[in-house]
């Protein structure tokens, strides 16, 4: 059941925007969090304020299963975003 929820969520326009390294608004990020909560998908979120070296961003950690975690860094300002699976 979680696989179906994740595939539906990850194929949506908002996740495609995140994975394309596009800048998100806070409203879009809140919608993303709401979708995770609504689908009962465990996650953690952390805010990192912007500096001269890096843009303000959120780090979103999505727990797929006990051994697979997806970490997304979502930029709130112009700059680069990063996503990576955890080891």
N, C-alpha and C. Protein backbone atom coordinates (compact mmCIF):
# COMPACT_ATOMS: atom_id res chain seq x y z
N UNK A 1 0.83 -1.20 0.00
CA UNK A 1 0.00 0.00 0.00
C UNK A 1 0.87 1.26 0.00
N UNK A 2 1.94 1.26 0.80
CA UNK A 2 2.84 2.41 0.83
C UNK A 2 3.50 2.62 -0.53
N UNK A 3 3.81 1.53 -1.24
CA UNK A 3 4.42 1.64 -2.56
C UNK A 3 3.52 2.39 -3.52
N UNK A 4 2.22 2.10 -3.49
CA UNK A 4 1.26 2.78 -4.35
C UNK A 4 1.16 4.25 -3.99
N UNK A 5 1.10 4.56 -2.69
CA UNK A 5 1.03 5.95 -2.25
C UNK A 5 2.27 6.72 -2.67
N UNK A 6 3.45 6.10 -2.49
CA UNK A 6 4.69 6.76 -2.86
C UNK A 6 4.79 6.99 -4.36
N UNK A 7 4.44 6.00 -5.15
CA UNK A 7 4.54 6.16 -6.60
C UNK A 7 3.59 7.24 -7.10
N UNK A 8 2.40 7.31 -6.53
CA UNK A 8 1.46 8.37 -6.90
C UNK A 8 2.00 9.74 -6.50
N UNK A 9 2.51 9.83 -5.29
CA UNK A 9 3.04 11.10 -4.78
C UNK A 9 4.27 11.54 -5.56
N UNK A 10 5.21 10.62 -5.80
CA UNK A 10 6.45 10.95 -6.48
C UNK A 10 6.25 11.27 -7.96
N UNK A 11 5.17 10.79 -8.56
CA UNK A 11 4.92 11.09 -9.96
C UNK A 11 4.17 12.40 -10.16
N UNK A 12 3.79 13.05 -9.06
CA UNK A 12 3.07 14.32 -9.14
C UNK A 12 3.96 15.47 -9.59
N UNK A 13 3.31 16.54 -10.03
CA UNK A 13 4.02 17.71 -10.55
C UNK A 13 4.94 18.35 -9.53
N UNK A 14 4.54 18.36 -8.26
CA UNK A 14 5.35 19.02 -7.24
C UNK A 14 6.66 18.27 -6.99
N UNK A 15 6.61 16.94 -6.93
CA UNK A 15 7.84 16.18 -6.76
C UNK A 15 8.73 16.28 -7.99
N UNK A 16 8.12 16.34 -9.17
CA UNK A 16 8.93 16.53 -10.38
C UNK A 16 9.64 17.87 -10.32
N UNK A 17 8.97 18.88 -9.77
CA UNK A 17 9.59 20.19 -9.63
C UNK A 17 10.77 20.13 -8.65
N UNK A 18 10.60 19.42 -7.55
CA UNK A 18 11.67 19.25 -6.57
C UNK A 18 12.86 18.53 -7.19
N UNK A 19 12.58 17.43 -7.88
CA UNK A 19 13.65 16.63 -8.46
C UNK A 19 14.31 17.31 -9.66
N UNK A 20 13.66 18.33 -10.22
CA UNK A 20 14.25 19.11 -11.31
C UNK A 20 15.07 20.28 -10.79
N UNK A 21 15.26 20.33 -9.47
CA UNK A 21 16.03 21.40 -8.82
C UNK A 21 15.41 22.78 -9.02
N UNK A 22 14.09 22.84 -9.10
CA UNK A 22 13.43 24.13 -9.23
C UNK A 22 13.13 24.70 -7.84
N UNK A 23 13.12 26.00 -7.77
CA UNK A 23 12.83 26.69 -6.51
C UNK A 23 11.35 26.50 -6.16
N UNK A 24 11.07 26.25 -4.87
CA UNK A 24 9.69 26.11 -4.38
C UNK A 24 9.32 27.31 -3.52
N UNK A 25 8.03 27.58 -3.47
CA UNK A 25 7.54 28.58 -2.53
C UNK A 25 7.23 27.87 -1.22
N UNK A 26 7.06 28.62 -0.17
CA UNK A 26 6.71 28.02 1.12
C UNK A 26 5.33 27.35 1.03
N UNK A 27 4.43 27.91 0.28
CA UNK A 27 3.10 27.31 0.10
C UNK A 27 3.23 25.95 -0.55
N UNK A 28 4.07 25.84 -1.59
CA UNK A 28 4.26 24.55 -2.25
C UNK A 28 4.90 23.54 -1.30
N UNK A 29 5.85 23.99 -0.49
CA UNK A 29 6.50 23.10 0.46
C UNK A 29 5.50 22.61 1.50
N UNK A 30 4.64 23.50 1.98
CA UNK A 30 3.60 23.11 2.93
C UNK A 30 2.63 22.10 2.30
N UNK A 31 2.32 22.29 1.04
CA UNK A 31 1.45 21.34 0.33
C UNK A 31 2.13 19.97 0.25
N UNK A 32 3.43 19.97 -0.02
CA UNK A 32 4.21 18.74 -0.07
C UNK A 32 4.17 18.01 1.27
N UNK A 33 4.38 18.75 2.35
CA UNK A 33 4.31 18.16 3.69
C UNK A 33 2.91 17.62 3.98
N UNK A 34 1.90 18.37 3.58
CA UNK A 34 0.52 17.93 3.78
C UNK A 34 0.22 16.64 3.03
N UNK A 35 0.78 16.50 1.83
CA UNK A 35 0.58 15.27 1.06
C UNK A 35 1.25 14.09 1.74
N UNK A 36 2.43 14.31 2.32
CA UNK A 36 3.11 13.24 3.05
C UNK A 36 2.30 12.83 4.29
N UNK A 37 1.81 13.82 5.04
CA UNK A 37 1.00 13.53 6.22
C UNK A 37 -0.30 12.84 5.82
N UNK A 38 -0.95 13.35 4.79
CA UNK A 38 -2.21 12.77 4.33
C UNK A 38 -2.08 11.33 3.86
N UNK A 39 -0.90 10.97 3.37
CA UNK A 39 -0.66 9.60 2.92
C UNK A 39 0.03 8.75 3.97
N UNK A 40 0.18 9.32 5.18
CA UNK A 40 0.79 8.61 6.31
C UNK A 40 2.20 8.10 5.98
N UNK A 41 2.98 8.97 5.33
CA UNK A 41 4.36 8.63 4.96
C UNK A 41 5.28 9.31 5.97
N UNK A 42 6.11 8.55 6.68
CA UNK A 42 6.98 9.15 7.70
C UNK A 42 8.07 10.03 7.07
N UNK A 43 8.31 11.19 7.69
CA UNK A 43 9.31 12.12 7.18
C UNK A 43 9.82 13.00 8.30
N UNK A 44 10.91 13.68 8.04
CA UNK A 44 11.45 14.71 8.93
C UNK A 44 11.74 15.93 8.07
N UNK A 45 11.61 17.11 8.65
CA UNK A 45 11.86 18.35 7.93
C UNK A 45 12.69 19.28 8.79
N UNK A 46 13.66 19.95 8.16
CA UNK A 46 14.50 20.91 8.87
C UNK A 46 14.71 22.13 7.97
N UNK A 47 14.72 23.31 8.59
CA UNK A 47 14.93 24.56 7.87
C UNK A 47 16.36 25.03 8.06
N UNK A 48 16.99 25.48 6.97
CA UNK A 48 18.34 26.04 7.03
C UNK A 48 18.25 27.45 6.45
N UNK A 49 18.60 28.45 7.28
CA UNK A 49 18.50 29.83 6.80
C UNK A 49 19.58 30.11 5.76
N UNK A 50 19.31 31.04 4.89
CA UNK A 50 20.24 31.39 3.83
C UNK A 50 21.45 32.15 4.34
N UNK A 51 22.56 31.96 3.67
CA UNK A 51 23.80 32.67 3.96
C UNK A 51 24.34 33.23 2.66
N UNK A 52 25.50 33.84 2.72
CA UNK A 52 26.12 34.33 1.48
C UNK A 52 26.54 33.17 0.58
N UNK A 53 26.81 32.02 1.18
CA UNK A 53 27.27 30.87 0.40
C UNK A 53 26.15 29.97 -0.09
N UNK A 54 25.06 29.93 0.63
CA UNK A 54 23.99 29.00 0.24
C UNK A 54 22.62 29.63 0.45
N UNK A 55 21.64 29.25 -0.39
CA UNK A 55 20.29 29.81 -0.27
C UNK A 55 19.53 29.18 0.90
N UNK A 56 18.50 29.86 1.36
CA UNK A 56 17.62 29.29 2.38
C UNK A 56 16.98 28.03 1.80
N UNK A 57 16.87 27.00 2.63
CA UNK A 57 16.34 25.74 2.12
C UNK A 57 15.72 24.91 3.24
N UNK A 58 14.99 23.90 2.84
CA UNK A 58 14.47 22.89 3.74
C UNK A 58 15.13 21.57 3.39
N UNK A 59 15.46 20.80 4.39
CA UNK A 59 15.91 19.43 4.15
C UNK A 59 14.76 18.53 4.52
N UNK A 60 14.31 17.75 3.57
CA UNK A 60 13.20 16.84 3.77
C UNK A 60 13.73 15.42 3.68
N UNK A 61 13.56 14.66 4.75
CA UNK A 61 14.00 13.27 4.80
C UNK A 61 12.76 12.39 4.82
N UNK A 62 12.59 11.57 3.78
CA UNK A 62 11.43 10.71 3.65
C UNK A 62 11.88 9.27 3.91
N UNK A 63 11.23 8.62 4.86
CA UNK A 63 11.59 7.25 5.22
C UNK A 63 10.72 6.29 4.41
N UNK A 64 11.34 5.67 3.41
CA UNK A 64 10.62 4.75 2.54
C UNK A 64 10.35 3.42 3.26
N UNK A 65 11.37 2.87 3.85
CA UNK A 65 11.26 1.67 4.68
C UNK A 65 12.43 1.72 5.66
N UNK A 66 12.60 0.74 6.55
CA UNK A 66 13.67 0.84 7.55
C UNK A 66 15.09 0.96 6.97
N UNK A 67 15.29 0.52 5.75
CA UNK A 67 16.64 0.59 5.19
C UNK A 67 16.80 1.59 4.04
N UNK A 68 15.72 2.25 3.62
CA UNK A 68 15.79 3.21 2.51
C UNK A 68 15.22 4.55 2.96
N UNK A 69 16.04 5.58 2.78
CA UNK A 69 15.64 6.94 3.12
C UNK A 69 15.99 7.86 1.96
N UNK A 70 15.09 8.76 1.61
CA UNK A 70 15.32 9.72 0.55
C UNK A 70 15.49 11.09 1.20
N UNK A 71 16.62 11.75 0.92
CA UNK A 71 16.89 13.07 1.48
C UNK A 71 16.84 14.08 0.35
N UNK A 72 15.97 15.08 0.50
CA UNK A 72 15.82 16.14 -0.50
C UNK A 72 16.16 17.47 0.16
N UNK A 73 16.95 18.29 -0.52
CA UNK A 73 17.19 19.65 -0.07
C UNK A 73 16.42 20.55 -1.03
N UNK A 74 15.42 21.24 -0.51
CA UNK A 74 14.52 22.04 -1.31
C UNK A 74 14.87 23.51 -1.13
N UNK A 75 15.29 24.15 -2.21
CA UNK A 75 15.70 25.55 -2.17
C UNK A 75 14.49 26.47 -2.12
N UNK A 76 14.57 27.49 -1.28
CA UNK A 76 13.52 28.51 -1.21
C UNK A 76 13.96 29.81 -1.87
N UNK A 77 15.21 29.84 -2.34
CA UNK A 77 15.76 31.00 -3.03
C UNK A 77 16.51 30.50 -4.24
N UNK A 78 16.85 31.40 -5.17
CA UNK A 78 17.66 30.96 -6.30
C UNK A 78 18.97 30.33 -5.82
N UNK A 79 19.36 29.25 -6.43
CA UNK A 79 20.55 28.50 -6.06
C UNK A 79 20.32 27.05 -6.38
N UNK A 80 21.22 26.20 -5.99
CA UNK A 80 21.08 24.80 -6.35
C UNK A 80 20.46 23.99 -5.22
N UNK A 81 19.66 23.00 -5.61
CA UNK A 81 19.10 22.05 -4.67
C UNK A 81 19.77 20.71 -4.91
N UNK A 82 19.71 19.86 -3.92
CA UNK A 82 20.36 18.56 -4.02
C UNK A 82 19.41 17.49 -3.51
N UNK A 83 19.41 16.36 -4.14
CA UNK A 83 18.71 15.22 -3.57
C UNK A 83 19.63 14.03 -3.60
N UNK A 84 19.50 13.17 -2.62
CA UNK A 84 20.38 12.00 -2.58
C UNK A 84 19.74 10.92 -1.73
N UNK A 85 19.89 9.68 -2.15
CA UNK A 85 19.45 8.60 -1.28
C UNK A 85 20.50 8.42 -0.19
N UNK A 86 20.08 8.07 0.99
CA UNK A 86 21.06 7.87 2.05
C UNK A 86 21.67 6.49 1.91
N UNK A 87 22.90 6.32 2.38
CA UNK A 87 23.56 5.02 2.24
C UNK A 87 22.93 3.95 3.09
